[in-house]
Amino acid sequence: SAKNTVYLQMNSLKPGDTAAYYCAAGMGGASPRTYAYWG
């Protein structure tokens, strides 16, 4: 919180994890539509 930074630590990566990864700010649901801001 002091750095205003969130992290995603990914271990044991698999080929199926291949994707573009996005962070988002919103109301905290599991649907992309619940997030208003995107990287």
All heavy atoms as atom14 arrays in JSON, in Angstrom:
{
  "sequence": "SAKNTVYLQMNSLKPGDTAAYYCAAGMGGASPRTYAYWG",
  "atom14_mask": [
    [1, 1, 1, 1, 1, 1, 0, 0, 0, 0, 0, 0, 0, 0],
    [1, 1, 1, 1, 1, 0, 0, 0, 0, 0, 0, 0, 0, 0],
    [1, 1, 1, 1, 1, 1, 1, 1, 1, 0, 0, 0, 0, 0],
    [1, 1, 1, 1, 1, 1, 1, 1, 0, 0, 0, 0, 0, 0],
    [1, 1, 1, 1, 1, 1, 1, 0, 0, 0, 0, 0, 0, 0],
    [1, 1, 1, 1, 1, 1, 1, 0, 0, 0, 0, 0, 0, 0],
    [1, 1, 1, 1, 1, 1, 1, 1, 1, 1, 1, 1, 0, 0],
    [1, 1, 1, 1, 1, 1, 1, 1, 0, 0, 0, 0, 0, 0],
    [1, 1, 1, 1, 1, 1, 1, 1, 1, 0, 0, 0, 0, 0],
    [1, 1, 1, 1, 1, 1, 1, 1, 0, 0, 0, 0, 0, 0],
    [1, 1, 1, 1, 1, 1, 1, 1, 0, 0, 0, 0, 0, 0],
    [1, 1, 1, 1, 1, 1, 0, 0, 0, 0, 0, 0, 0, 0],
    [1, 1, 1, 1, 1, 1, 1, 1, 0, 0, 0, 0, 0, 0],
    [1, 1, 1, 1, 1, 1, 1, 1, 1, 0, 0, 0, 0, 0],
    [1, 1, 1, 1, 1, 1, 1, 0, 0, 0, 0, 0, 0, 0],
    [1, 1, 1, 1, 0, 0, 0, 0, 0, 0, 0, 0, 0, 0],
    [1, 1, 1, 1, 1, 1, 1, 1, 0, 0, 0, 0, 0, 0],
    [1, 1, 1, 1, 1, 1, 1, 0, 0, 0, 0, 0, 0, 0],
    [1, 1, 1, 1, 1, 0, 0, 0, 0, 0, 0, 0, 0, 0],
    [1, 1, 1, 1, 1, 0, 0, 0, 0, 0, 0, 0, 0, 0],
    [1, 1, 1, 1, 1, 1, 1, 1, 1, 1, 1, 1, 0, 0],
    [1, 1, 1, 1, 1, 1, 1, 1, 1, 1, 1, 1, 0, 0],
    [1, 1, 1, 1, 1, 1, 0, 0, 0, 0, 0, 0, 0, 0],
    [1, 1, 1, 1, 1, 0, 0, 0, 0, 0, 0, 0, 0, 0],
    [1, 1, 1, 1, 1, 0, 0, 0, 0, 0, 0, 0, 0, 0],
    [1, 1, 1, 1, 0, 0, 0, 0, 0, 0, 0, 0, 0, 0],
    [1, 1, 1, 1, 1, 1, 1, 1, 0, 0, 0, 0, 0, 0],
    [1, 1, 1, 1, 0, 0, 0, 0, 0, 0, 0, 0, 0, 0],
    [1, 1, 1, 1, 0, 0, 0, 0, 0, 0, 0, 0, 0, 0],
    [1, 1, 1, 1, 1, 0, 0, 0, 0, 0, 0, 0, 0, 0],
    [1, 1, 1, 1, 1, 1, 0, 0, 0, 0, 0, 0, 0, 0],
    [1, 1, 1, 1, 1, 1, 1, 0, 0, 0, 0, 0, 0, 0],
    [1, 1, 1, 1, 1, 1, 1, 1, 1, 1, 1, 0, 0, 0],
    [1, 1, 1, 1, 1, 1, 1, 0, 0, 0, 0, 0, 0, 0],
    [1, 1, 1, 1, 1, 1, 1, 1, 1, 1, 1, 1, 0, 0],
    [1, 1, 1, 1, 1, 0, 0, 0, 0, 0, 0, 0, 0, 0],
    [1, 1, 1, 1, 1, 1, 1, 1, 1, 1, 1, 1, 0, 0],
    [1, 1, 1, 1, 1, 1, 1, 1, 1, 1, 1, 1, 1, 1],
    [1, 1, 1, 1, 0, 0, 0, 0, 0, 0, 0, 0, 0, 0]
  ],
  "atom14_positions": [
    [[0.82, -1.21, 0.0], [0.0, 0.0, 0.0], [0.85, 1.26, 0.0], [0.47, 2.27, -0.6], [-0.94, 0.0, 1.21], [-1.86, -1.08, 1.13], [0.0, 0.0, 0.0], [0.0, 0.0, 0.0], [0.0, 0.0, 0.0], [0.0, 0.0, 0.0], [0.0, 0.0, 0.0], [0.0, 0.0, 0.0], [0.0, 0.0, 0.0], [0.0, 0.0, 0.0]],
    [[1.99, 1.22, 0.67], [2.86, 2.38, 0.72], [3.39, 2.75, -0.66], [3.68, 3.92, -0.92], [4.02, 2.15, 1.68], [0.0, 0.0, 0.0], [0.0, 0.0, 0.0], [0.0, 0.0, 0.0], [0.0, 0.0, 0.0], [0.0, 0.0, 0.0], [0.0, 0.0, 0.0], [0.0, 0.0, 0.0], [0.0, 0.0, 0.0], [0.0, 0.0, 0.0]],
    [[3.54, 1.77, -1.53], [4.04, 2.0, -2.88], [2.94, 2.04, -3.92], [3.22, 2.21, -5.11], [5.05, 0.91, -3.25], [6.29, 0.88, -2.39], [7.25, -0.2, -2.87], [8.49, -0.26, -2.0], [9.28, 0.99, -2.08], [0.0, 0.0, 0.0], [0.0, 0.0, 0.0], [0.0, 0.0, 0.0], [0.0, 0.0, 0.0], [0.0, 0.0, 0.0]],
    [[1.69, 1.85, -3.5], [0.55, 1.8, -4.42], [0.8, 0.78, -5.54], [0.54, 1.05, -6.71], [0.26, 3.18, -5.01], [-0.3, 4.15, -3.99], [-0.93, 3.75, -3.02], [-0.07, 5.43, -4.22], [0.0, 0.0, 0.0], [0.0, 0.0, 0.0], [0.0, 0.0, 0.0], [0.0, 0.0, 0.0], [0.0, 0.0, 0.0], [0.0, 0.0, 0.0]],
    [[1.29, -0.37, -5.15], [1.64, -1.4, -6.11], [1.05, -2.74, -5.68], [1.1, -3.09, -4.5], [3.16, -1.54, -6.25], [3.71, -0.28, -6.66], [3.53, -2.6, -7.27], [0.0, 0.0, 0.0], [0.0, 0.0, 0.0], [0.0, 0.0, 0.0], [0.0, 0.0, 0.0], [0.0, 0.0, 0.0], [0.0, 0.0, 0.0], [0.0, 0.0, 0.0]],
    [[0.48, -3.45, -6.63], [0.02, -4.82, -6.4], [0.85, -5.76, -7.25], [1.36, -5.38, -8.31], [-1.49, -4.98, -6.68], [-2.31, -4.12, -5.74], [-1.81, -4.63, -8.13], [0.0, 0.0, 0.0], [0.0, 0.0, 0.0], [0.0, 0.0, 0.0], [0.0, 0.0, 0.0], [0.0, 0.0, 0.0], [0.0, 0.0, 0.0], [0.0, 0.0, 0.0]],
    [[0.97, -7.0, -6.8], [1.83, -7.98, -7.44], [1.06, -9.25, -7.73], [0.12, -9.62, -7.01], [3.03, -8.31, -6.55], [3.84, -7.12, -6.15], [3.62, -6.49, -4.92], [4.83, -6.61, -6.98], [4.36, -5.39, -4.54], [5.57, -5.51, -6.61], [5.34, -4.9, -5.38], [6.09, -3.81, -5.01], [0.0, 0.0, 0.0], [0.0, 0.0, 0.0]],
    [[1.48, -9.92, -8.76], [1.0, -11.26, -9.06], [2.21, -12.17, -9.17], [2.94, -12.11, -10.17], [0.18, -11.28, -10.36], [-0.37, -12.64, -10.77], [-1.38, -13.15, -9.75], [-1.0, -12.56, -12.16], [0.0, 0.0, 0.0], [0.0, 0.0, 0.0], [0.0, 0.0, 0.0], [0.0, 0.0, 0.0], [0.0, 0.0, 0.0], [0.0, 0.0, 0.0]],
    [[2.42, -12.97, -8.15], [3.51, -13.94, -8.15], [3.0, -15.23, -8.78], [2.05, -15.83, -8.27], [4.0, -14.21, -6.73], [5.1, -15.25, -6.63], [6.39, -14.81, -7.27], [6.83, -13.69, -7.06], [6.99, -15.69, -8.06], [0.0, 0.0, 0.0], [0.0, 0.0, 0.0], [0.0, 0.0, 0.0], [0.0, 0.0, 0.0], [0.0, 0.0, 0.0]],
    [[3.63, -15.65, -9.85], [3.2, -16.82, -10.6], [4.28, -17.89, -10.51], [5.41, -17.68, -10.96], [2.92, -16.47, -12.06], [1.88, -15.37, -12.22], [1.52, -15.0, -13.96], [3.09, -14.28, -14.45], [0.0, 0.0, 0.0], [0.0, 0.0, 0.0], [0.0, 0.0, 0.0], [0.0, 0.0, 0.0], [0.0, 0.0, 0.0], [0.0, 0.0, 0.0]],
    [[3.93, -19.02, -9.92], [4.85, -20.15, -9.78], [4.34, -21.33, -10.59], [3.17, -21.42, -10.94], [4.99, -20.54, -8.31], [5.57, -19.44, -7.46], [6.39, -18.65, -7.91], [5.14, -19.39, -6.19], [0.0, 0.0, 0.0], [0.0, 0.0, 0.0], [0.0, 0.0, 0.0], [0.0, 0.0, 0.0], [0.0, 0.0, 0.0], [0.0, 0.0, 0.0]],
    [[5.24, -22.26, -10.85], [4.9, -23.48, -11.59], [4.13, -23.17, -12.86], [3.08, -23.77, -13.14], [4.09, -24.43, -10.68], [4.82, -24.76, -9.52], [0.0, 0.0, 0.0], [0.0, 0.0, 0.0], [0.0, 0.0, 0.0], [0.0, 0.0, 0.0], [0.0, 0.0, 0.0], [0.0, 0.0, 0.0], [0.0, 0.0, 0.0], [0.0, 0.0, 0.0]],
    [[4.64, -22.25, -13.62], [3.94, -21.8, -14.82], [3.8, -22.92, -15.84], [4.69, -23.76, -16.0], [4.67, -20.61, -15.43], [4.43, -19.29, -14.7], [5.48, -18.26, -15.09], [3.03, -18.75, -15.03], [0.0, 0.0, 0.0], [0.0, 0.0, 0.0], [0.0, 0.0, 0.0], [0.0, 0.0, 0.0], [0.0, 0.0, 0.0], [0.0, 0.0, 0.0]],
    [[2.67, -22.9, -16.52], [2.34, -23.87, -17.54], [2.13, -23.17, -18.87], [1.8, -21.98, -18.89], [1.06, -24.63, -17.16], [1.07, -25.25, -15.78], [-0.31, -25.81, -15.45], [-0.34, -26.4, -14.05], [-1.68, -26.93, -13.72], [0.0, 0.0, 0.0], [0.0, 0.0, 0.0], [0.0, 0.0, 0.0], [0.0, 0.0, 0.0], [0.0, 0.0, 0.0]],
    [[2.26, -23.88, -19.98], [1.96, -23.25, -21.27], [0.55, -22.67, -21.32], [0.34, -21.65, -21.99], [2.13, -24.4, -22.27], [3.16, -25.27, -21.63], [2.87, -25.22, -20.16], [0.0, 0.0, 0.0], [0.0, 0.0, 0.0], [0.0, 0.0, 0.0], [0.0, 0.0, 0.0], [0.0, 0.0, 0.0], [0.0, 0.0, 0.0], [0.0, 0.0, 0.0]],
    [[-0.4, -23.28, -20.62], [-1.76, -22.77, -20.58], [-1.91, -21.43, -19.88], [-2.96, -20.8, -19.97], [0.0, 0.0, 0.0], [0.0, 0.0, 0.0], [0.0, 0.0, 0.0], [0.0, 0.0, 0.0], [0.0, 0.0, 0.0], [0.0, 0.0, 0.0], [0.0, 0.0, 0.0], [0.0, 0.0, 0.0], [0.0, 0.0, 0.0], [0.0, 0.0, 0.0]],
    [[-0.87, -20.99, -19.17], [-0.9, -19.68, -18.53], [-0.53, -18.57, -19.51], [-0.6, -17.39, -19.14], [0.07, -19.64, -17.35], [-0.33, -20.59, -16.23], [-1.54, -20.67, -15.92], [0.57, -21.24, -15.67], [0.0, 0.0, 0.0], [0.0, 0.0, 0.0], [0.0, 0.0, 0.0], [0.0, 0.0, 0.0], [0.0, 0.0, 0.0], [0.0, 0.0, 0.0]],
    [[-0.13, -18.91, -20.7], [0.25, -17.91, -21.69], [-0.94, -17.01, -22.0], [-2.01, -17.49, -22.38], [0.75, -18.58, -22.97], [1.96, -19.3, -22.69], [1.02, -17.55, -24.06], [0.0, 0.0, 0.0], [0.0, 0.0, 0.0], [0.0, 0.0, 0.0], [0.0, 0.0, 0.0], [0.0, 0.0, 0.0], [0.0, 0.0, 0.0], [0.0, 0.0, 0.0]],
    [[-0.75, -15.71, -21.83], [-1.82, -14.75, -22.04], [-1.28, -13.35, -21.82], [-0.18, -13.18, -21.29], [-2.99, -15.0, -21.07], [0.0, 0.0, 0.0], [0.0, 0.0, 0.0], [0.0, 0.0, 0.0], [0.0, 0.0, 0.0], [0.0, 0.0, 0.0], [0.0, 0.0, 0.0], [0.0, 0.0, 0.0], [0.0, 0.0, 0.0], [0.0, 0.0, 0.0]],
    [[-2.06, -12.37, -22.21], [-1.83, -11.0, -21.77], [-2.47, -10.83, -20.41], [-3.65, -11.17, -20.23], [-2.41, -10.01, -22.78], [0.0, 0.0, 0.0], [0.0, 0.0, 0.0], [0.0, 0.0, 0.0], [0.0, 0.0, 0.0], [0.0, 0.0, 0.0], [0.0, 0.0, 0.0], [0.0, 0.0, 0.0], [0.0, 0.0, 0.0], [0.0, 0.0, 0.0]],
    [[-1.72, -10.33, -19.46], [-2.2, -10.16, -18.1], [-2.48, -8.69, -17.83], [-1.67, -7.82, -18.15], [-1.18, -10.69, -17.1], [-1.19, -12.19, -17.0], [-0.67, -12.97, -18.03], [-1.74, -12.84, -15.9], [-0.7, -14.35, -17.96], [-1.76, -14.22, -15.82], [-1.24, -14.97, -16.85], [-1.27, -16.35, -16.77], [0.0, 0.0, 0.0], [0.0, 0.0, 0.0]],
    [[-3.64, -8.43, -17.21], [-4.1, -7.08, -16.94], [-4.42, -6.92, -15.46], [-4.99, -7.81, -14.84], [-5.37, -6.77, -17.72], [-5.24, -6.86, -19.22], [-5.41, -8.07, -19.88], [-4.96, -5.73, -19.97], [-5.3, -8.16, -21.26], [-4.84, -5.81, -21.34], [-5.02, -7.02, -21.98], [-4.91, -7.1, -23.35], [0.0, 0.0, 0.0], [0.0, 0.0, 0.0]],
    [[-4.07, -5.78, -14.91], [-4.59, -5.41, -13.61], [-5.73, -4.42, -13.8], [-5.82, -3.73, -14.82], [-3.52, -4.84, -12.68], [-2.78, -3.28, -13.19], [0.0, 0.0, 0.0], [0.0, 0.0, 0.0], [0.0, 0.0, 0.0], [0.0, 0.0, 0.0], [0.0, 0.0, 0.0], [0.0, 0.0, 0.0], [0.0, 0.0, 0.0], [0.0, 0.0, 0.0]],
    [[-6.62, -4.38, -12.83], [-7.82, -3.56, -12.92], [-8.22, -3.07, -11.54], [-7.93, -3.71, -10.53], [-8.96, -4.35, -13.56], [0.0, 0.0, 0.0], [0.0, 0.0, 0.0], [0.0, 0.0, 0.0], [0.0, 0.0, 0.0], [0.0, 0.0, 0.0], [0.0, 0.0, 0.0], [0.0, 0.0, 0.0], [0.0, 0.0, 0.0], [0.0, 0.0, 0.0]],
    [[-8.91, -1.94, -11.51], [-9.45, -1.38, -10.28], [-10.95, -1.27, -10.42], [-11.45, -0.76, -11.43], [-8.84, -0.01, -10.0], [0.0, 0.0, 0.0], [0.0, 0.0, 0.0], [0.0, 0.0, 0.0], [0.0, 0.0, 0.0], [0.0, 0.0, 0.0], [0.0, 0.0, 0.0], [0.0, 0.0, 0.0], [0.0, 0.0, 0.0], [0.0, 0.0, 0.0]],
    [[-11.67, -1.74, -9.42], [-13.12, -1.69, -9.49], [-13.77, -2.14, -8.2], [-13.22, -1.93, -7.12], [0.0, 0.0, 0.0], [0.0, 0.0, 0.0], [0.0, 0.0, 0.0], [0.0, 0.0, 0.0], [0.0, 0.0, 0.0], [0.0, 0.0, 0.0], [0.0, 0.0, 0.0], [0.0, 0.0, 0.0], [0.0, 0.0, 0.0], [0.0, 0.0, 0.0]],
    [[-14.91, -2.78, -8.33], [-15.71, -3.16, -7.18], [-15.42, -4.56, -6.66], [-16.01, -4.98, -5.68], [-17.2, -3.03, -7.51], [-17.62, -1.62, -7.88], [-17.15, -0.39, -6.63], [-18.13, -0.94, -5.24], [0.0, 0.0, 0.0], [0.0, 0.0, 0.0], [0.0, 0.0, 0.0], [0.0, 0.0, 0.0], [0.0, 0.0, 0.0], [0.0, 0.0, 0.0]],
    [[-14.53, -5.28, -7.33], [-14.01, -6.51, -6.76], [-14.74, -7.79, -7.1], [-14.55, -8.79, -6.4], [0.0, 0.0, 0.0], [0.0, 0.0, 0.0], [0.0, 0.0, 0.0], [0.0, 0.0, 0.0], [0.0, 0.0, 0.0], [0.0, 0.0, 0.0], [0.0, 0.0, 0.0], [0.0, 0.0, 0.0], [0.0, 0.0, 0.0], [0.0, 0.0, 0.0]],
    [[-15.54, -7.81, -8.14], [-16.17, -9.03, -8.57], [-15.24, -9.88, -9.42], [-14.07, -9.56, -9.63], [0.0, 0.0, 0.0], [0.0, 0.0, 0.0], [0.0, 0.0, 0.0], [0.0, 0.0, 0.0], [0.0, 0.0, 0.0], [0.0, 0.0, 0.0], [0.0, 0.0, 0.0], [0.0, 0.0, 0.0], [0.0, 0.0, 0.0], [0.0, 0.0, 0.0]],
    [[-15.76, -10.99, -9.92], [-15.02, -11.88, -10.79], [-15.24, -11.56, -12.27], [-14.55, -12.12, -13.12], [-15.39, -13.34, -10.52], [0.0, 0.0, 0.0], [0.0, 0.0, 0.0], [0.0, 0.0, 0.0], [0.0, 0.0, 0.0], [0.0, 0.0, 0.0], [0.0, 0.0, 0.0], [0.0, 0.0, 0.0], [0.0, 0.0, 0.0], [0.0, 0.0, 0.0]],
    [[-16.17, -10.68, -12.56], [-16.46, -10.29, -13.93], [-15.65, -9.06, -14.32], [-15.53, -8.12, -13.53], [-17.94, -10.0, -14.12], [-18.18, -9.39, -15.38], [0.0, 0.0, 0.0], [0.0, 0.0, 0.0], [0.0, 0.0, 0.0], [0.0, 0.0, 0.0], [0.0, 0.0, 0.0], [0.0, 0.0, 0.0], [0.0, 0.0, 0.0], [0.0, 0.0, 0.0]],
    [[-15.09, -9.03, -15.53], [-14.4, -7.81, -15.98], [-15.28, -6.57, -15.93], [-14.77, -5.46, -15.77], [-13.99, -8.15, -17.42], [-13.92, -9.63, -17.46], [-15.01, -10.1, -16.53], [0.0, 0.0, 0.0], [0.0, 0.0, 0.0], [0.0, 0.0, 0.0], [0.0, 0.0, 0.0], [0.0, 0.0, 0.0], [0.0, 0.0, 0.0], [0.0, 0.0, 0.0]],
    [[-16.6, -6.76, -16.06], [-17.51, -5.62, -16.09], [-17.62, -4.91, -14.75], [-18.16, -3.81, -14.69], [-18.89, -6.07, -16.56], [-18.88, -6.63, -17.97], [-20.27, -6.91, -18.48], [-21.05, -5.69, -18.6], [-22.31, -5.64, -19.02], [-22.92, -6.76, -19.38], [-22.95, -4.49, -19.08], [0.0, 0.0, 0.0], [0.0, 0.0, 0.0], [0.0, 0.0, 0.0]],
    [[-17.12, -5.5, -13.67], [-17.16, -4.86, -12.37], [-15.92, -4.01, -12.1], [-15.79, -3.46, -11.01], [-17.31, -5.9, -11.25], [-16.16, -6.76, -11.23], [-18.57, -6.73, -11.45], [0.0, 0.0, 0.0], [0.0, 0.0, 0.0], [0.0, 0.0, 0.0], [0.0, 0.0, 0.0], [0.0, 0.0, 0.0], [0.0, 0.0, 0.0], [0.0, 0.0, 0.0]],
    [[-15.05, -3.88, -13.09], [-13.84, -3.07, -12.95], [-13.88, -1.9, -13.92], [-14.1, -2.09, -15.12], [-12.59, -3.92, -13.19], [-12.42, -4.97, -12.12], [-13.1, -6.17, -12.18], [-11.59, -4.73, -11.02], [-12.97, -7.12, -11.18], [-11.46, -5.68, -10.02], [-12.14, -6.86, -10.1], [-12.0, -7.81, -9.11], [0.0, 0.0, 0.0], [0.0, 0.0, 0.0]],
    [[-13.64, -0.72, -13.4], [-13.77, 0.5, -14.18], [-12.48, 0.93, -14.85], [-12.51, 1.61, -15.87], [-14.3, 1.63, -13.3], [0.0, 0.0, 0.0], [0.0, 0.0, 0.0], [0.0, 0.0, 0.0], [0.0, 0.0, 0.0], [0.0, 0.0, 0.0], [0.0, 0.0, 0.0], [0.0, 0.0, 0.0], [0.0, 0.0, 0.0], [0.0, 0.0, 0.0]],
    [[-11.34, 0.56, -14.27], [-10.05, 1.03, -14.76], [-9.15, -0.15, -15.04], [-9.11, -1.12, -14.29], [-9.4, 1.96, -13.73], [-10.26, 3.13, -13.36], [-11.01, 3.12, -12.2], [-10.33, 4.25, -14.18], [-11.81, 4.19, -11.86], [-11.13, 5.32, -13.85], [-11.87, 5.29, -12.68], [-12.67, 6.36, -12.36], [0.0, 0.0, 0.0], [0.0, 0.0, 0.0]],
    [[-8.38, -0.04, -16.13], [-7.54, -1.13, -16.6], [-6.16, -0.63, -16.99], [-6.0, 0.47, -17.51], [-8.18, -1.8, -17.82], [-9.46, -2.5, -17.49], [-10.7, -1.95, -17.41], [-9.6, -3.89, -17.2], [-11.62, -2.91, -17.07], [-10.98, -4.1, -16.94], [-8.72, -4.97, -17.13], [-11.48, -5.37, -16.62], [-9.21, -6.22, -16.81], [-10.59, -6.4, -16.56]],
    [[-5.17, -1.48, -16.77], [-3.85, -1.22, -17.27], [-3.73, -1.63, -18.73], [-4.68, -2.13, -19.34], [0.0, 0.0, 0.0], [0.0, 0.0, 0.0], [0.0, 0.0, 0.0], [0.0, 0.0, 0.0], [0.0, 0.0, 0.0], [0.0, 0.0, 0.0], [0.0, 0.0, 0.0], [0.0, 0.0, 0.0], [0.0, 0.0, 0.0], [0.0, 0.0, 0.0]]
  ]
}
